[in-house]
C-alpha cells in the first residue's frame, strides 16, 4: 500500500499514461541512475504484456 500511496502522491499515473519514463525515474530516484536497465526491462515486459 505504501508503494501505491507514493505513486499516487507523486502524480506518476499521469506521467505513465504519457510515456514519460525519464520523468517517472526522476521523481522516484531523484536522478537517472540505472535508468537504462529499467528502460530495457520495461521494454521487455511491454512486449510480453502487450
Protein backbone atom coordinates (compact mmCIF):
# COMPACT_ATOMS: atom_id res chain seq x y z
CA UNK A 1 0.00 0.00 0.00
CA UNK A 2 2.89 2.34 0.62
CA UNK A 3 4.07 1.96 -2.98
CA UNK A 4 0.57 2.80 -4.25
CA UNK A 5 0.44 5.83 -1.95
CA UNK A 6 3.84 7.02 -3.20
CA UNK A 7 2.82 6.50 -6.85
CA UNK A 8 -0.42 8.44 -6.35
CA UNK A 9 1.05 11.32 -4.34
CA UNK A 10 3.83 11.87 -6.88
CA UNK A 11 1.37 12.01 -9.80
CA UNK A 12 3.08 9.14 -11.57
CA UNK A 13 -0.03 7.74 -13.28
CA UNK A 14 -0.30 10.84 -15.43
CA UNK A 15 3.35 10.53 -16.42
CA UNK A 16 2.99 6.80 -17.10
CA UNK A 17 -0.04 7.39 -19.31
CA UNK A 18 2.02 9.91 -21.27
CA UNK A 19 5.01 7.53 -21.56
CA UNK A 20 7.29 9.85 -19.60
CA UNK A 21 9.68 7.15 -18.34
CA UNK A 22 12.53 9.60 -17.63
CA UNK A 23 10.31 11.90 -15.57
CA UNK A 24 8.98 8.96 -13.54
CA UNK A 25 12.55 7.83 -12.85
CA UNK A 26 13.49 11.36 -11.81
CA UNK A 27 10.58 11.62 -9.37
CA UNK A 28 11.23 8.21 -7.83
CA UNK A 29 15.04 8.26 -7.66
CA UNK A 30 15.89 11.94 -7.87
CA UNK A 31 18.15 11.16 -10.82
CA UNK A 32 18.70 8.79 -13.71
CA UNK A 33 20.94 6.17 -12.08
CA UNK A 34 20.11 2.75 -13.50
CA UNK A 35 17.54 4.20 -15.90
CA UNK A 36 18.92 2.33 -18.92
CA UNK A 37 18.49 -1.03 -17.17
CA UNK A 38 14.95 -0.18 -16.08
CA UNK A 39 14.08 1.03 -19.59
CA UNK A 40 15.29 -2.27 -21.06
CA UNK A 41 13.27 -4.27 -18.52
CA UNK A 42 10.22 -2.11 -19.22
CA UNK A 43 10.53 -2.69 -22.97
CA UNK A 44 10.85 -6.43 -22.42
CA UNK A 45 7.82 -6.55 -20.12
CA UNK A 46 5.81 -4.42 -22.54
CA UNK A 47 6.45 -6.94 -25.34
CA UNK A 48 5.20 -9.78 -23.15
CA UNK A 49 2.15 -7.97 -21.78
CA UNK A 50 1.01 -6.09 -24.88
